[in-house]
């Protein structure tokens, strides 16, 4: 019996490293190499998400880092981060999947609630500006009412943006409505506005909506001068840019910072993000993961 027990103990001791690797504290060790260079991933030029992200972290108009990995579209971004343990990237929160890890920024989680209340800083309002007298036109008034409806909130959420209206009422179709609405401005709001306009035209087949870009500056100017019924802007409303106008926040755009699921990092600061993506950071540049993971 003693001999049998001794043999059993020897076998267990021999297997102990394997058992340790399968459970307990050692199970959480993914072998992430923090000494590696950070693989900086960015969206393609012309992406509204890229423009917004760079502006929000203080790098508006700046070039990408020299060794940046450019991915086109959400699918490319998510695939790169999922397969590359050293990657860091950004994407609209509504499109981020469980295949990657979302980081806190300045200790705040990227959630719809935190974007709504303004505590998550990589977000911005997407608004329309307009002269209140333009609502004397029944078509303009109906479209603004639609933007505040539950129908519009569904479109906003389905397209990866953050709805800012809770418990909205459904839109009521006006069978006698006919005419046109002209909307111009922010290219960041433009894709969502086209989707909203398409739904509204489906409800009101005798109404035609024209949506064009030009940037937030164009949105302010055209609304203020009456060139467009509504101007689109992708920033906090500035009355000085359109003195005759007021505004309505259509949605908020929240951008998540994402890394590979094996990366042990859980939070990053705005300053660290800036020093990762800033080609001109110089001595402040953050290039290796061990600068962030202590």
Foldseek 3Di string as FASTA:
>chain_A
DVVVVVVVVVVCVVCVVVVVCVDDPNVLQPPQDQQDWAAEEEEDPPDLLRQLQCVLLPNHPADWAPRHHYAYDPVRVLVCQLVDQRYKYKDWPLSDDPSWAFAAAVNHGQDLVCQLVCVRRSKFFKKKKAFPVLVVQVVLVLLVLQLQAPVVCVLQSVVRFRANHPPGHHRDADQVDADEFEEEAAPSCQVSVVVSQVVVCVSVVRYYYHYYYDHHLCQQVCRLVVVGRIYIYGHPDDCVSRVSIDMDGSTMTHMTMIHHPSDPHHYYYSQQVCLDGHNPNPPSHDTTSVVPPD
